[in-house]
Protein backbone atom coordinates (compact mmCIF):
# COMPACT_ATOMS: atom_id res chain seq x y z
CA UNK A 1 0.07 -0.06 0.00
CA UNK A 2 2.89 2.40 0.89
CA UNK A 3 4.40 1.79 -2.65
CA UNK A 4 1.09 2.51 -4.34
CA UNK A 5 0.58 5.71 -2.41
CA UNK A 6 4.04 6.87 -3.42
CA UNK A 7 3.31 5.97 -7.05
CA UNK A 8 0.11 7.93 -7.00
CA UNK A 9 1.91 10.99 -5.64
CA UNK A 10 4.57 10.68 -8.13
CA UNK A 11 2.02 10.52 -11.05
CA UNK A 12 0.22 13.64 -9.57
CA UNK A 13 3.39 15.64 -9.98
CA UNK A 14 5.02 14.19 -13.03
CA UNK A 15 3.17 16.40 -15.50
CA UNK A 16 3.71 19.64 -13.45
CA UNK A 17 7.39 19.66 -12.44
CA UNK A 18 8.30 23.08 -11.22
CA UNK A 19 12.17 22.51 -11.29
CA UNK A 20 14.53 20.78 -13.55
CA UNK A 21 17.01 20.35 -10.69
CA UNK A 22 16.73 20.63 -6.93
CA UNK A 23 20.03 20.77 -5.13
CA UNK A 24 20.62 19.61 -1.52
CA UNK A 25 24.07 19.85 0.00
CA UNK A 26 26.94 22.15 0.95
CA UNK A 27 26.96 25.86 0.63
CA UNK A 28 30.25 27.59 1.09
CA UNK A 29 31.68 31.11 1.22
CA UNK A 30 35.16 31.02 -0.48
CA UNK A 31 37.79 33.52 0.39
CA UNK A 32 40.42 33.19 -2.33
CA UNK A 33 44.02 34.25 -2.09
CA UNK A 34 45.95 34.36 -5.34
CA UNK A 35 49.70 33.91 -5.33
CA UNK A 36 52.36 33.65 -8.05
CA UNK A 37 53.32 30.09 -6.94
CA UNK A 38 52.24 27.82 -4.03
CA UNK A 39 54.69 28.39 -1.09
CA UNK A 40 56.64 25.70 0.90
CA UNK A 41 56.45 25.77 4.56
CA UNK A 42 57.81 28.61 6.74
CA UNK A 43 58.08 31.35 4.18
CA UNK A 44 56.33 34.65 3.38
CA UNK A 45 54.69 35.13 0.06
CA UNK A 46 52.98 38.14 -1.42
CA UNK A 47 49.21 37.91 -2.29
CA UNK A 48 48.47 39.24 -5.75
CA UNK A 49 44.70 39.34 -5.30
CA UNK A 50 41.99 38.57 -2.78
CA UNK A 51 38.45 37.84 -3.67
CA UNK A 52 35.18 36.42 -2.11
CA UNK A 53 33.04 34.05 -4.01
CA UNK A 54 30.19 31.51 -3.66
CA UNK A 55 31.16 27.89 -3.39
CA UNK A 56 30.27 24.32 -2.24
CA UNK A 57 29.64 21.43 -4.56
CA UNK A 58 25.82 21.41 -4.59
CA UNK A 59 25.59 25.12 -4.36
CA UNK A 60 27.97 25.77 -7.28
CA UNK A 61 26.15 23.09 -9.36
CA UNK A 62 22.77 24.65 -8.86
CA UNK A 63 24.17 28.14 -9.57
CA UNK A 64 25.36 26.63 -12.79
CA UNK A 65 21.89 25.25 -13.58
CA UNK A 66 20.46 28.73 -12.98
CA UNK A 67 22.95 30.58 -15.16
CA UNK A 68 22.21 27.95 -17.98
CA UNK A 69 18.45 28.93 -17.74
CA UNK A 70 17.39 25.76 -15.99
CA UNK A 71 14.63 25.79 -13.48
CA UNK A 72 16.60 25.53 -10.27
CA UNK A 73 16.03 25.35 -6.53
CA UNK A 74 18.37 25.00 -3.54
CA UNK A 75 17.54 23.68 -0.08
CA UNK A 76 19.72 23.85 3.08
CA UNK A 77 19.69 25.03 6.75
CA UNK A 78 21.10 28.60 6.75
CA UNK A 79 21.07 31.33 9.31
CA UNK A 80 20.86 35.12 9.15
CA UNK A 81 24.58 35.72 9.50
CA UNK A 82 26.58 37.57 6.95
CA UNK A 83 27.81 34.48 5.13
CA UNK A 84 24.34 32.92 4.86
CA UNK A 85 22.89 36.25 3.49
CA UNK A 86 25.78 36.45 1.08
CA UNK A 87 25.23 33.01 -0.37
CA UNK A 88 21.61 33.30 -0.68
CA UNK A 89 21.88 36.65 -2.52
CA UNK A 90 24.43 35.15 -4.96
CA UNK A 91 22.06 32.16 -5.66
CA UNK A 92 19.30 34.61 -6.40
CA UNK A 93 21.46 36.47 -8.80
CA UNK A 94 21.93 33.13 -10.63
CA UNK A 95 18.20 32.78 -10.83
CA UNK A 96 18.04 29.96 -8.21
CA UNK A 97 14.90 29.61 -6.18
CA UNK A 98 16.01 30.06 -2.48
CA UNK A 99 12.49 30.06 -0.92
CA UNK A 100 13.00 26.46 0.30
CA UNK A 101 16.06 27.41 2.49
CA UNK A 102 15.35 26.58 6.19
CA UNK A 103 16.21 29.22 8.67
CA UNK A 104 18.27 27.96 11.60
CA UNK A 105 20.07 30.56 13.78
CA UNK A 106 22.83 28.03 14.57
CA UNK A 107 23.59 27.29 10.96
CA UNK A 108 25.86 28.87 8.46
CA UNK A 109 27.72 27.89 5.16
CA UNK A 110 31.11 26.29 5.07
CA UNK A 111 33.84 29.00 5.19
CA UNK A 112 36.74 28.15 2.88
CA UNK A 113 40.14 29.80 2.33
CA UNK A 114 41.53 28.85 -1.04
CA UNK A 115 45.06 29.60 -2.19
CA UNK A 116 45.35 29.60 -5.96
CA UNK A 117 48.60 29.95 -7.96
CA UNK A 118 49.06 31.42 -11.50
CA UNK A 119 48.44 28.10 -13.15
CA UNK A 120 44.90 27.74 -11.60
CA UNK A 121 46.11 25.07 -9.04
CA UNK A 122 44.58 25.35 -5.65
CA UNK A 123 44.43 24.07 -2.12
CA UNK A 124 41.19 24.41 -0.07
CA UNK A 125 41.17 24.93 3.77
CA UNK A 126 37.64 24.69 4.95
CA UNK A 127 35.77 25.22 8.26
CA UNK A 128 32.50 23.16 8.40
CA UNK A 129 31.70 23.70 12.02
CA UNK A 130 28.67 25.79 11.43
CA UNK A 131 27.07 23.87 8.61
CA UNK A 132 24.08 21.81 9.72
CA UNK A 133 22.94 19.11 7.19
CA UNK A 134 19.27 18.54 6.36
CA UNK A 135 17.35 15.52 7.48
CA UNK A 136 14.39 13.78 6.04
CA UNK A 137 12.05 15.73 8.31
CA UNK A 138 13.11 18.97 6.56
CA UNK A 139 12.01 17.83 3.14
CA UNK A 140 8.36 17.70 2.20
CA UNK A 141 7.37 15.09 -0.42
CA UNK A 142 5.95 17.92 -2.48
CA UNK A 143 9.26 19.56 -2.82
CA UNK A 144 11.08 16.42 -3.94
CA UNK A 145 8.38 15.55 -6.31
CA UNK A 146 8.44 19.11 -7.89
CA UNK A 147 11.83 18.34 -9.37
CA UNK A 148 12.93 16.32 -12.46
CA UNK A 149 16.10 15.44 -10.70
CA UNK A 150 17.61 15.88 -7.23
CA UNK A 151 21.36 16.61 -6.88
CA UNK A 152 23.04 15.44 -3.63
CA UNK A 153 26.64 16.07 -2.64
CA UNK A 154 28.91 14.53 -0.06
CA UNK A 155 32.06 16.14 1.28
CA UNK A 156 32.12 15.10 4.94
CA UNK A 157 29.98 13.16 7.34
CA UNK A 158 27.10 12.68 7.66
CA UNK A 159 26.22 11.46 4.14
CA UNK A 160 22.71 12.14 2.94
CA UNK A 161 21.82 8.48 2.74
CA UNK A 162 18.52 8.59 4.45
CA UNK A 163 17.47 11.63 2.29
CA UNK A 164 18.62 9.63 -0.81
CA UNK A 165 16.43 6.69 0.23
CA UNK A 166 13.33 9.01 0.68
CA UNK A 167 13.92 10.52 -2.75
CA UNK A 168 14.30 7.00 -4.36
CA UNK A 169 11.08 5.84 -2.68
CA UNK A 170 9.26 8.77 -4.25
CA UNK A 171 10.64 7.86 -7.74
CA UNK A 172 12.71 10.92 -8.34
CA UNK A 173 16.07 10.34 -10.01
CA UNK A 174 19.16 11.25 -8.01
CA UNK A 175 22.59 12.58 -9.14
CA UNK A 176 25.26 12.00 -6.58
CA UNK A 177 28.35 14.29 -6.43
CA UNK A 178 30.49 12.42 -4.02
CA UNK A 179 33.92 13.38 -2.79
CA UNK A 180 34.22 12.28 0.83
CA UNK A 181 35.71 8.86 1.42
CA UNK A 182 33.81 6.82 3.93
CA UNK A 183 31.70 3.72 4.07
CA UNK A 184 28.60 5.89 4.14
CA UNK A 185 29.83 7.69 0.97
CA UNK A 186 29.89 4.21 -0.68
CA UNK A 187 26.33 3.52 0.51
CA UNK A 188 25.10 6.73 -0.91
CA UNK A 189 26.91 5.88 -4.26
CA UNK A 190 24.96 2.63 -4.38
CA UNK A 191 21.62 4.56 -4.07
CA UNK A 192 21.98 7.24 -6.69
CA UNK A 193 20.90 6.95 -10.40
CA UNK A 194 23.61 9.10 -11.78
CA UNK A 195 27.02 8.91 -10.04
CA UNK A 196 29.54 11.69 -11.03
CA UNK A 197 32.70 11.50 -8.96
CA UNK A 198 36.28 12.86 -9.18
CA UNK A 199 39.08 10.56 -10.11
CA UNK A 200 40.52 10.71 -6.57
CA UNK A 201 37.28 9.20 -5.12
CA UNK A 202 37.07 6.75 -7.84
CA UNK A 203 40.60 5.42 -7.31
CA UNK A 204 40.00 5.16 -3.62
CA UNK A 205 36.60 3.40 -3.99
CA UNK A 206 37.89 0.99 -6.65
CA UNK A 207 41.43 0.56 -5.42
CA UNK A 208 42.55 1.07 -8.98
CA UNK A 209 44.78 3.82 -10.51
CA UNK A 210 43.41 3.12 -13.94
CA UNK A 211 40.33 5.37 -14.59
CA UNK A 212 38.81 2.79 -17.08
CA UNK A 213 39.11 0.11 -14.46
CA UNK A 214 37.78 2.43 -11.72
CA UNK A 215 34.70 3.39 -13.93
CA UNK A 216 33.99 -0.18 -14.73
CA UNK A 217 34.14 -1.17 -10.96
CA UNK A 218 31.82 1.71 -9.93
CA UNK A 219 29.44 0.81 -12.76
CA UNK A 220 28.87 -2.70 -11.36
CA UNK A 221 26.09 -1.17 -9.22
CA UNK A 222 22.89 -1.02 -11.19
CA UNK A 223 22.44 2.72 -11.92
CA UNK A 224 21.70 4.79 -15.10
CA UNK A 225 25.15 6.32 -15.58
CA UNK A 226 28.52 6.39 -13.98
CA UNK A 227 31.01 9.24 -14.69
CA UNK A 228 34.53 9.86 -13.46
CA UNK A 229 35.83 13.42 -13.95
CA UNK A 230 39.59 13.70 -14.29
CA UNK A 231 40.30 17.37 -14.82
CA UNK A 232 42.58 18.04 -17.79
CA UNK A 233 42.28 14.43 -18.78
CA UNK A 234 38.54 14.86 -19.41
CA UNK A 235 36.08 12.23 -18.13
CA UNK A 236 35.30 8.57 -18.30
CA UNK A 237 31.64 7.30 -18.47
CA UNK A 238 29.32 4.42 -19.08
CA UNK A 239 25.64 3.58 -18.84
CA UNK A 240 24.01 0.94 -16.81
CA UNK A 241 26.35 -2.00 -16.13
CA UNK A 242 27.79 -1.67 -19.73
CA UNK A 243 31.39 -2.98 -19.56
CA UNK A 244 32.36 -0.52 -22.34
CA UNK A 245 33.83 2.63 -20.87
CA UNK A 246 34.07 5.87 -23.10
CA UNK A 247 36.75 8.46 -22.58
CA UNK A 248 35.85 11.99 -23.45
CA UNK A 249 38.99 14.12 -23.73
CA UNK A 250 38.74 17.66 -22.08
CA UNK A 251 38.37 20.60 -24.34
CA UNK A 252 41.63 22.46 -24.82
CA UNK A 253 41.38 25.99 -23.35
CA UNK A 254 43.74 28.58 -21.99
CA UNK A 255 43.15 27.81 -18.25
CA UNK A 256 42.61 30.77 -15.95
CA UNK A 257 41.10 29.39 -12.83
CA UNK A 258 40.00 25.82 -12.34
CA UNK A 259 38.32 26.40 -8.92
CA UNK A 260 34.66 25.16 -9.22
CA UNK A 261 35.08 23.57 -12.65
CA UNK A 262 34.05 20.05 -11.37
CA UNK A 263 30.96 21.45 -9.74
CA UNK A 264 30.14 23.39 -13.00
CA UNK A 265 30.31 20.06 -14.89
CA UNK A 266 28.04 18.47 -12.26
CA UNK A 267 25.44 21.21 -12.60
CA UNK A 268 25.47 21.24 -16.44
CA UNK A 269 25.28 17.45 -16.53
CA UNK A 270 22.36 17.45 -14.10
CA UNK A 271 20.44 19.98 -16.17
CA UNK A 272 21.06 17.89 -19.34
CA UNK A 273 19.83 14.76 -17.70
CA UNK A 274 16.67 16.53 -16.53
CA UNK A 275 16.10 17.73 -20.09
CA UNK A 276 16.49 14.16 -21.49
CA UNK A 277 19.78 14.64 -23.38
CA UNK A 278 21.46 11.50 -24.56
CA UNK A 279 24.41 10.50 -22.34
CA UNK A 280 26.91 11.55 -25.04
CA UNK A 281 25.27 14.88 -25.56
CA UNK A 282 25.13 15.44 -21.68
CA UNK A 283 28.87 14.70 -21.42
CA UNK A 284 29.72 17.07 -24.26
CA UNK A 285 27.50 19.78 -22.75
CA UNK A 286 28.90 19.39 -19.26
CA UNK A 287 32.52 19.31 -20.57
CA UNK A 288 32.04 22.42 -22.49
CA UNK A 289 30.55 24.18 -19.51
CA UNK A 290 33.56 23.29 -17.41
CA UNK A 291 35.96 24.41 -20.11
CA UNK A 292 34.24 27.82 -20.42
CA UNK A 293 34.38 28.10 -16.63
CA UNK A 294 38.13 27.30 -16.57
CA UNK A 295 38.94 29.88 -19.30
CA UNK A 296 37.31 32.61 -17.00
CA UNK A 297 36.02 34.74 -19.93
CA UNK A 298 39.50 34.75 -21.43
CA UNK A 299 41.21 35.64 -18.13
CA UNK A 300 38.72 38.32 -16.90
CA UNK A 301 36.38 36.42 -14.55
CA UNK A 302 36.62 34.23 -11.54
CA UNK A 303 34.28 32.43 -9.19
CA UNK A 304 30.57 32.39 -10.01
CA UNK A 305 31.14 35.40 -12.30
CA UNK A 306 32.77 32.92 -14.73
CA UNK A 307 29.85 30.41 -14.78
CA UNK A 308 28.88 29.78 -18.35
CA UNK A 309 25.67 30.97 -20.08
CA UNK A 310 23.94 29.04 -22.83
CA UNK A 311 25.24 31.51 -25.26
CA UNK A 312 28.83 30.99 -23.99
CA UNK A 313 28.54 27.26 -24.56
CA UNK A 314 26.94 27.59 -27.97
CA UNK A 315 29.60 29.92 -29.21
CA UNK A 316 32.27 27.76 -27.73
CA UNK A 317 31.03 24.58 -29.39
CA UNK A 318 30.59 26.27 -32.65
CA UNK A 319 34.38 26.84 -32.66
CA UNK A 320 35.14 23.17 -32.18
CA UNK A 321 35.23 20.54 -34.88
CA UNK A 322 33.29 17.21 -34.20
CA UNK A 323 33.63 13.83 -36.02
CA UNK A 324 30.46 14.81 -37.89
CA UNK A 325 28.60 18.09 -38.45
CA UNK A 326 25.32 16.15 -37.77
CA UNK A 327 26.38 15.40 -34.14
CA UNK A 328 27.25 19.08 -33.53
CA UNK A 329 24.07 20.31 -35.06
CA UNK A 330 22.00 17.85 -32.91
CA UNK A 331 23.88 18.99 -29.72
CA UNK A 332 23.52 22.70 -30.46
CA UNK A 333 19.84 22.30 -31.16
CA UNK A 334 19.27 20.45 -27.81
CA UNK A 335 21.24 23.15 -26.00
CA UNK A 336 19.24 26.01 -27.73
CA UNK A 337 16.01 24.30 -26.65
CA UNK A 338 16.86 24.60 -22.94
CA UNK A 339 16.03 28.29 -23.23
CA UNK A 340 12.84 27.69 -24.96
CA UNK A 341 11.23 25.18 -22.55
């Protein structure tokens, strides 16, 4: 009976989805320090620039969905402190619905200090002491059912495993952006429909240094897609339990700032899945989004200011040659249709 009730609720909402992507996970305020080269211990180094930006895996991903004209919403526990207000304002500027944020006077975003060198390499030092994760009691069925896809992240304990189970029971697809290395992270990975993880996590989870083997190992779980992102090496992906792994090389761009590129990929991929792109098209779209983000508007933009628009991606892809003009035409048409829907 419980299953039948969930199926009835799912059918009630499936024709009236309000959002393409609902994101649940980490919000962060990033204070970035730019240096000419990363220093060794016990030295003094001059800071060439200092900036504040929005961050966090789920938060950056949903900001990407918003800038790409997807219907987007973010849910988290945030307070009324300066950092909470800052991140909420930035999300609104990216056209993300923040009305589902739950006010908690004891909660605040992660606070990260990030040191970035001239080559875009960075180290992240974060303080998560004020971040309070959501529980299943915070999430109404109606909110979950209002989304085509729910994006969950995992950086540190506790993993959002119980929330994932609730979403799964309601029949809504889940994209898992998982970085934290723990048994609960592996449990979460086994629940999600679309697993998108960095190569470091994949190597740890599979005990394999070869990304092809790591992708095949993770894909043994019955899920729709498995994707491993590998920075400048591109990504590796497969569908279902298919033993055939595809490598998609990264687009070649002049890198300005790689901070947030992985999360940009996740957001663009989530939107593509929500809009029923083929897997190949979704990978191409997400890879282009990450490349545009890395280029930073030809070295003029950082942080969320560098998040790509649909126009940015269309112009970027038009400049690239594909194996066939037909493939590129199909892809560009799918991307252009995002703005029409």
